[in-house]
Amino acid sequence: MRAVRIGLTLAALAGAAPLAGQQPPQERPGPERVRVMMERMAQRLGGPAFDYSPERLIARREALGLTPEQVQRLEALAQEVRRAREAADSVARARGPQVEQLWREAAPNVDQLRSQAEAILQARQRAEIAALAAAAQAKALLTAEQRGRVAGWADVRRGLMERRMRGMERMREHMRPRAPAPWRRSRRP
């Protein structure tokens, strides 16, 4: 009997050991944290310049009431952005395999790896700066009324994103594991 008790005690301790090492659940993000997360997401999507990208404005030319001259200038800006992005992509395609090859080595040459990665990142940065400059020039082409429409669309998009984030937060809250209620604990005979 004593051996059975000792065996059961050891089994219970062995079963509880992994649970003791677990981290407590992280707190769900509060309103400030959600706002910061949304700002970061908006920056990744292009921030406020995203709304004024020449391609987006051209796609909404009828709703904005763009003149043929505005469309022509926006198309030229969009072409500049495309060329800058294509240049960045060609640099990445040319140097990407070299980075992979360097990384496959047992002891990669850090200086070569750094120079290849910096070249890729600088090309991407040039493309992003070209897109930002084109968006600023595109915004300057619009009339006050047209800028107001774009700002209204941006506000609606942000509102939808905020609502989606709140919905995801509520889903996470409902999916959070909870301790069973005392009256629902299983009873073993």
C-alpha atoms as a PDB file:
ATOM      1  CA  MET A   1       0.000   0.000   0.000  1.00  0.00           C
ATOM      2  CA  ARG A   2       2.797   2.374   0.917  1.00  0.00           C
ATOM      3  CA  ALA A   3       4.551   1.640  -2.386  1.00  0.00           C
ATOM      4  CA  VAL A   4       1.350   2.488  -4.258  1.00  0.00           C
ATOM      5  CA  ARG A   5       1.071   5.832  -2.424  1.00  0.00           C
ATOM      6  CA  ILE A   6       4.690   6.689  -3.164  1.00  0.00           C
ATOM      7  CA  GLY A   7       4.197   5.734  -6.816  1.00  0.00           C
ATOM      8  CA  LEU A   8       1.073   7.891  -7.104  1.00  0.00           C
ATOM      9  CA  THR A   9       2.819  10.818  -5.411  1.00  0.00           C
ATOM     10  CA  LEU A  10       5.789  10.576  -7.792  1.00  0.00           C
ATOM     11  CA  ALA A  11       3.452  10.326 -10.783  1.00  0.00           C
ATOM     12  CA  ALA A  12       1.544  13.416  -9.642  1.00  0.00           C
ATOM     13  CA  LEU A  13       4.774  15.358  -9.148  1.00  0.00           C
ATOM     14  CA  ALA A  14       6.098  14.269 -12.537  1.00  0.00           C
ATOM     15  CA  GLY A  15       2.852  15.373 -14.172  1.00  0.00           C
ATOM     16  CA  ALA A  16       2.899  18.753 -12.420  1.00  0.00           C
ATOM     17  CA  ALA A  17       6.556  19.550 -13.195  1.00  0.00           C
ATOM     18  CA  PRO A  18       5.974  20.663 -16.810  1.00  0.00           C
ATOM     19  CA  LEU A  19       3.091  22.859 -15.684  1.00  0.00           C
ATOM     20  CA  ALA A  20       5.248  24.596 -13.086  1.00  0.00           C
ATOM     21  CA  GLY A  21       7.783  25.616 -15.748  1.00  0.00           C
ATOM     22  CA  GLN A  22       5.237  27.299 -17.993  1.00  0.00           C
ATOM     23  CA  GLN A  23       5.143  31.050 -18.316  1.00  0.00           C
ATOM     24  CA  PRO A  24       1.983  32.845 -17.230  1.00  0.00           C
ATOM     25  CA  PRO A  25      -0.204  33.968 -20.126  1.00  0.00           C
ATOM     26  CA  GLN A  26       0.742  37.348 -21.517  1.00  0.00           C
ATOM     27  CA  GLU A  27      -1.627  40.194 -20.952  1.00  0.00           C
ATOM     28  CA  ARG A  28      -3.809  41.060 -23.877  1.00  0.00           C
ATOM     29  CA  PRO A  29      -2.947  44.379 -25.469  1.00  0.00           C
ATOM     30  CA  GLY A  30      -4.677  47.411 -24.023  1.00  0.00           C
ATOM     31  CA  PRO A  31      -6.020  50.333 -26.058  1.00  0.00           C
ATOM     32  CA  GLU A  32      -2.622  52.054 -26.161  1.00  0.00           C
ATOM     33  CA  ARG A  33      -0.907  48.885 -27.362  1.00  0.00           C
ATOM     34  CA  VAL A  34      -3.553  48.375 -30.071  1.00  0.00           C
ATOM     35  CA  ARG A  35      -3.073  51.962 -31.263  1.00  0.00           C
ATOM     36  CA  VAL A  36       0.705  51.465 -31.497  1.00  0.00           C
ATOM     37  CA  MET A  37       0.229  48.193 -33.383  1.00  0.00           C
ATOM     38  CA  MET A  38      -2.106  49.911 -35.847  1.00  0.00           C
ATOM     39  CA  GLU A  39       0.345  52.762 -36.400  1.00  0.00           C
ATOM     40  CA  ARG A  40       3.114  50.281 -37.163  1.00  0.00           C
ATOM     41  CA  MET A  41       0.862  48.407 -39.573  1.00  0.00           C
ATOM     42  CA  ALA A  42      -0.048  51.657 -41.327  1.00  0.00           C
ATOM     43  CA  GLN A  43       3.630  52.545 -41.652  1.00  0.00           C
ATOM     44  CA  ARG A  44       4.321  49.157 -43.223  1.00  0.00           C
ATOM     45  CA  LEU A  45       1.514  49.769 -45.690  1.00  0.00           C
ATOM     46  CA  GLY A  46       3.054  53.088 -46.673  1.00  0.00           C
ATOM     47  CA  GLY A  47       1.587  55.420 -44.075  1.00  0.00           C
ATOM     48  CA  PRO A  48      -0.231  58.528 -45.226  1.00  0.00           C
ATOM     49  CA  ALA A  49       1.707  58.503 -48.504  1.00  0.00           C
ATOM     50  CA  PHE A  50      -0.066  55.244 -49.392  1.00  0.00           C
ATOM     51  CA  ASP A  51      -3.319  57.122 -49.946  1.00  0.00           C
ATOM     52  CA  TYR A  52      -1.680  59.529 -52.405  1.00  0.00           C
ATOM     53  CA  SER A  53       0.326  57.036 -54.446  1.00  0.00           C
ATOM     54  CA  PRO A  54      -0.027  57.906 -58.137  1.00  0.00           C
ATOM     55  CA  GLU A  55      -1.345  54.453 -59.027  1.00  0.00           C
ATOM     56  CA  ARG A  56      -4.126  54.656 -56.415  1.00  0.00           C
ATOM     57  CA  LEU A  57      -5.115  58.121 -57.583  1.00  0.00           C
ATOM     58  CA  ILE A  58      -5.177  57.009 -61.232  1.00  0.00           C
ATOM     59  CA  ALA A  59      -7.366  54.040 -60.273  1.00  0.00           C
ATOM     60  CA  ARG A  60      -9.883  56.504 -58.785  1.00  0.00           C
ATOM     61  CA  ARG A  61      -9.647  59.122 -61.508  1.00  0.00           C
ATOM     62  CA  GLU A  62     -13.416  59.218 -62.159  1.00  0.00           C
ATOM     63  CA  ALA A  63     -14.349  59.531 -58.485  1.00  0.00           C
ATOM     64  CA  LEU A  64     -11.757  62.276 -58.023  1.00  0.00           C
ATOM     65  CA  GLY A  65     -12.661  64.061 -61.242  1.00  0.00           C
ATOM     66  CA  LEU A  66      -9.058  64.251 -62.441  1.00  0.00           C
ATOM     67  CA  THR A  67      -8.306  66.337 -65.499  1.00  0.00           C
ATOM     68  CA  PRO A  68      -6.438  64.748 -68.435  1.00  0.00           C
ATOM     69  CA  GLU A  69      -3.377  66.817 -67.513  1.00  0.00           C
ATOM     70  CA  GLN A  70      -3.465  65.519 -63.924  1.00  0.00           C
ATOM     71  CA  VAL A  71      -3.798  61.942 -65.184  1.00  0.00           C
ATOM     72  CA  GLN A  72      -0.846  62.417 -67.534  1.00  0.00           C
ATOM     73  CA  ARG A  73       1.375  63.786 -64.759  1.00  0.00           C
ATOM     74  CA  LEU A  74       0.269  61.038 -62.353  1.00  0.00           C
ATOM     75  CA  GLU A  75       1.075  58.384 -64.955  1.00  0.00           C
ATOM     76  CA  ALA A  76       4.574  59.852 -65.341  1.00  0.00           C
ATOM     77  CA  LEU A  77       5.046  59.730 -61.559  1.00  0.00           C
ATOM     78  CA  ALA A  78       3.757  56.152 -61.423  1.00  0.00           C
ATOM     79  CA  GLN A  79       6.219  55.202 -64.160  1.00  0.00           C
ATOM     80  CA  GLU A  80       9.106  56.686 -62.134  1.00  0.00           C
ATOM     81  CA  VAL A  81       8.064  54.644 -59.102  1.00  0.00           C
ATOM     82  CA  ARG A  82       7.810  51.482 -61.227  1.00  0.00           C
ATOM     83  CA  ARG A  83      11.308  52.056 -62.628  1.00  0.00           C
ATOM     84  CA  ALA A  84      12.745  52.586 -59.131  1.00  0.00           C
ATOM     85  CA  ARG A  85      11.067  49.415 -57.847  1.00  0.00           C
ATOM     86  CA  GLU A  86      12.218  47.415 -60.866  1.00  0.00           C
ATOM     87  CA  ALA A  87      15.779  48.631 -60.274  1.00  0.00           C
ATOM     88  CA  ALA A  88      15.558  47.539 -56.632  1.00  0.00           C
ATOM     89  CA  ASP A  89      14.151  44.164 -57.680  1.00  0.00           C
ATOM     90  CA  SER A  90      16.946  43.647 -60.207  1.00  0.00           C
ATOM     91  CA  VAL A  91      19.565  44.410 -57.548  1.00  0.00           C
ATOM     92  CA  ALA A  92      17.862  41.952 -55.193  1.00  0.00           C
ATOM     93  CA  ARG A  93      17.679  39.283 -57.920  1.00  0.00           C
ATOM     94  CA  ALA A  94      21.354  39.789 -58.795  1.00  0.00           C
ATOM     95  CA  ARG A  95      22.717  39.887 -55.263  1.00  0.00           C
ATOM     96  CA  GLY A  96      20.236  37.621 -53.485  1.00  0.00           C
ATOM     97  CA  PRO A  97      21.800  34.368 -54.738  1.00  0.00           C
ATOM     98  CA  GLN A  98      25.233  35.677 -53.738  1.00  0.00           C
ATOM     99  CA  VAL A  99      23.958  36.287 -50.203  1.00  0.00           C
ATOM    100  CA  GLU A 100      22.490  32.774 -50.123  1.00  0.00           C
ATOM    101  CA  GLN A 101      25.760  31.304 -51.382  1.00  0.00           C
ATOM    102  CA  LEU A 102      27.746  33.179 -48.737  1.00  0.00           C
ATOM    103  CA  TRP A 103      25.320  32.006 -46.069  1.00  0.00           C
ATOM    104  CA  ARG A 104      25.696  28.336 -47.079  1.00  0.00           C
ATOM    105  CA  GLU A 105      29.397  28.409 -46.216  1.00  0.00           C
ATOM    106  CA  ALA A 106      30.412  26.954 -42.878  1.00  0.00           C
ATOM    107  CA  ALA A 107      31.978  30.270 -41.837  1.00  0.00           C
ATOM    108  CA  PRO A 108      30.384  33.049 -43.918  1.00  0.00           C
ATOM    109  CA  ASN A 109      32.547  36.057 -44.727  1.00  0.00           C
ATOM    110  CA  VAL A 110      30.832  38.766 -42.703  1.00  0.00           C
ATOM    111  CA  ASP A 111      32.254  41.657 -44.730  1.00  0.00           C
ATOM    112  CA  GLN A 112      31.060  40.247 -48.056  1.00  0.00           C
ATOM    113  CA  LEU A 113      27.697  39.326 -46.557  1.00  0.00           C
ATOM    114  CA  ARG A 114      27.312  42.816 -45.153  1.00  0.00           C
ATOM    115  CA  SER A 115      28.239  44.547 -48.418  1.00  0.00           C
ATOM    116  CA  GLN A 116      25.791  42.434 -50.455  1.00  0.00           C
ATOM    117  CA  ALA A 117      22.965  42.945 -47.953  1.00  0.00           C
ATOM    118  CA  GLU A 118      23.652  46.686 -47.754  1.00  0.00           C
ATOM    119  CA  ALA A 119      23.467  46.976 -51.543  1.00  0.00           C
ATOM    120  CA  ILE A 120      20.064  45.251 -51.561  1.00  0.00           C
ATOM    121  CA  LEU A 121      18.733  47.365 -48.693  1.00  0.00           C
ATOM    122  CA  GLN A 122      20.004  50.612 -50.223  1.00  0.00           C
ATOM    123  CA  ALA A 123      18.292  49.805 -53.526  1.00  0.00           C
ATOM    124  CA  ARG A 124      15.032  49.115 -51.689  1.00  0.00           C
ATOM    125  CA  GLN A 125      15.425  52.324 -49.715  1.00  0.00           C
ATOM    126  CA  ARG A 126      15.918  54.324 -52.924  1.00  0.00           C
ATOM    127  CA  ALA A 127      12.714  52.799 -54.305  1.00  0.00           C
ATOM    128  CA  GLU A 128      10.763  53.667 -51.138  1.00  0.00           C
ATOM    129  CA  ILE A 129      12.076  57.238 -51.182  1.00  0.00           C
ATOM    130  CA  ALA A 130      11.098  57.527 -54.853  1.00  0.00           C
ATOM    131  CA  ALA A 131       7.586  56.295 -53.973  1.00  0.00           C
ATOM    132  CA  LEU A 132       7.331  58.775 -51.099  1.00  0.00           C
ATOM    133  CA  ALA A 133       8.492  61.670 -53.290  1.00  0.00           C
ATOM    134  CA  ALA A 134       6.049  60.663 -56.036  1.00  0.00           C
ATOM    135  CA  ALA A 135       3.187  60.550 -53.513  1.00  0.00           C
ATOM    136  CA  ALA A 136       4.098  64.042 -52.291  1.00  0.00           C
ATOM    137  CA  GLN A 137       4.179  65.342 -55.870  1.00  0.00           C
ATOM    138  CA  ALA A 138       0.883  63.588 -56.621  1.00  0.00           C
ATOM    139  CA  LYS A 139      -0.740  65.188 -53.584  1.00  0.00           C
ATOM    140  CA  ALA A 140       0.484  68.592 -54.755  1.00  0.00           C
ATOM    141  CA  LEU A 141      -1.207  68.014 -58.143  1.00  0.00           C
ATOM    142  CA  LEU A 142      -4.644  67.635 -56.552  1.00  0.00           C
ATOM    143  CA  THR A 143      -7.071  70.439 -55.802  1.00  0.00           C
ATOM    144  CA  ALA A 144      -8.257  71.055 -52.242  1.00  0.00           C
ATOM    145  CA  GLU A 145     -11.548  69.282 -52.997  1.00  0.00           C
ATOM    146  CA  GLN A 146      -9.745  66.244 -54.416  1.00  0.00           C
ATOM    147  CA  ARG A 147      -7.411  66.080 -51.405  1.00  0.00           C
ATOM    148  CA  GLY A 148     -10.482  66.207 -49.152  1.00  0.00           C
ATOM    149  CA  ARG A 149     -11.977  63.187 -50.927  1.00  0.00           C
ATOM    150  CA  VAL A 150      -8.746  61.230 -50.574  1.00  0.00           C
ATOM    151  CA  ALA A 151      -8.557  62.155 -46.878  1.00  0.00           C
ATOM    152  CA  GLY A 152     -12.153  60.980 -46.429  1.00  0.00           C
ATOM    153  CA  TRP A 153     -11.379  57.629 -48.036  1.00  0.00           C
ATOM    154  CA  ALA A 154      -8.304  57.298 -45.823  1.00  0.00           C
ATOM    155  CA  ASP A 155     -10.397  57.983 -42.714  1.00  0.00           C
ATOM    156  CA  VAL A 156     -12.911  55.321 -43.736  1.00  0.00           C
ATOM    157  CA  ARG A 157     -10.105  52.821 -44.374  1.00  0.00           C
ATOM    158  CA  ARG A 158      -8.539  53.567 -40.994  1.00  0.00           C
ATOM    159  CA  GLY A 159     -11.923  53.189 -39.290  1.00  0.00           C
ATOM    160  CA  LEU A 160     -12.457  49.812 -40.920  1.00  0.00           C
ATOM    161  CA  MET A 161      -8.990  48.714 -39.859  1.00  0.00           C
ATOM    162  CA  GLU A 162      -9.623  49.825 -36.266  1.00  0.00           C
ATOM    163  CA  ARG A 163     -12.927  47.956 -36.202  1.00  0.00           C
ATOM    164  CA  ARG A 164     -11.228  44.851 -37.577  1.00  0.00           C
ATOM    165  CA  MET A 165      -8.526  45.103 -34.904  1.00  0.00           C
ATOM    166  CA  ARG A 166     -11.140  45.436 -32.146  1.00  0.00           C
ATOM    167  CA  GLY A 167     -12.938  42.392 -33.524  1.00  0.00           C
ATOM    168  CA  MET A 168      -9.723  40.388 -33.517  1.00  0.00           C
ATOM    169  CA  GLU A 169      -9.081  41.495 -29.946  1.00  0.00           C
ATOM    170  CA  ARG A 170     -12.551  40.302 -28.901  1.00  0.00           C
ATOM    171  CA  MET A 171     -11.928  36.971 -30.621  1.00  0.00           C
ATOM    172  CA  ARG A 172      -8.647  36.571 -28.764  1.00  0.00           C
ATOM    173  CA  GLU A 173     -10.420  37.361 -25.509  1.00  0.00           C
ATOM    174  CA  HIS A 174     -12.980  34.611 -26.102  1.00  0.00           C
ATOM    175  CA  MET A 175     -10.317  32.136 -27.142  1.00  0.00           C
ATOM    176  CA  ARG A 176      -8.208  32.746 -24.045  1.00  0.00           C
ATOM    177  CA  PRO A 177      -7.984  29.559 -21.951  1.00  0.00           C
ATOM    178  CA  ARG A 178      -9.855  29.831 -18.703  1.00  0.00           C
ATOM    179  CA  ALA A 179      -9.882  27.711 -15.601  1.00  0.00           C
ATOM    180  CA  PRO A 180     -12.918  25.446 -15.445  1.00  0.00           C
ATOM    181  CA  ALA A 181     -15.683  26.540 -13.139  1.00  0.00           C
ATOM    182  CA  PRO A 182     -15.657  24.688  -9.792  1.00  0.00           C
ATOM    183  CA  TRP A 183     -19.007  23.053 -10.487  1.00  0.00           C
ATOM    184  CA  ARG A 184     -17.780  21.718 -13.845  1.00  0.00           C
ATOM    185  CA  ARG A 185     -14.700  19.928 -12.633  1.00  0.00           C
ATOM    186  CA  SER A 186     -14.713  16.296 -13.534  1.00  0.00           C
ATOM    187  CA  ARG A 187     -15.371  13.934 -10.703  1.00  0.00           C
ATOM    188  CA  ARG A 188     -13.613  10.642 -10.818  1.00  0.00           C
ATOM    189  CA  PRO A 189     -15.022   7.712  -8.883  1.00  0.00           C
END
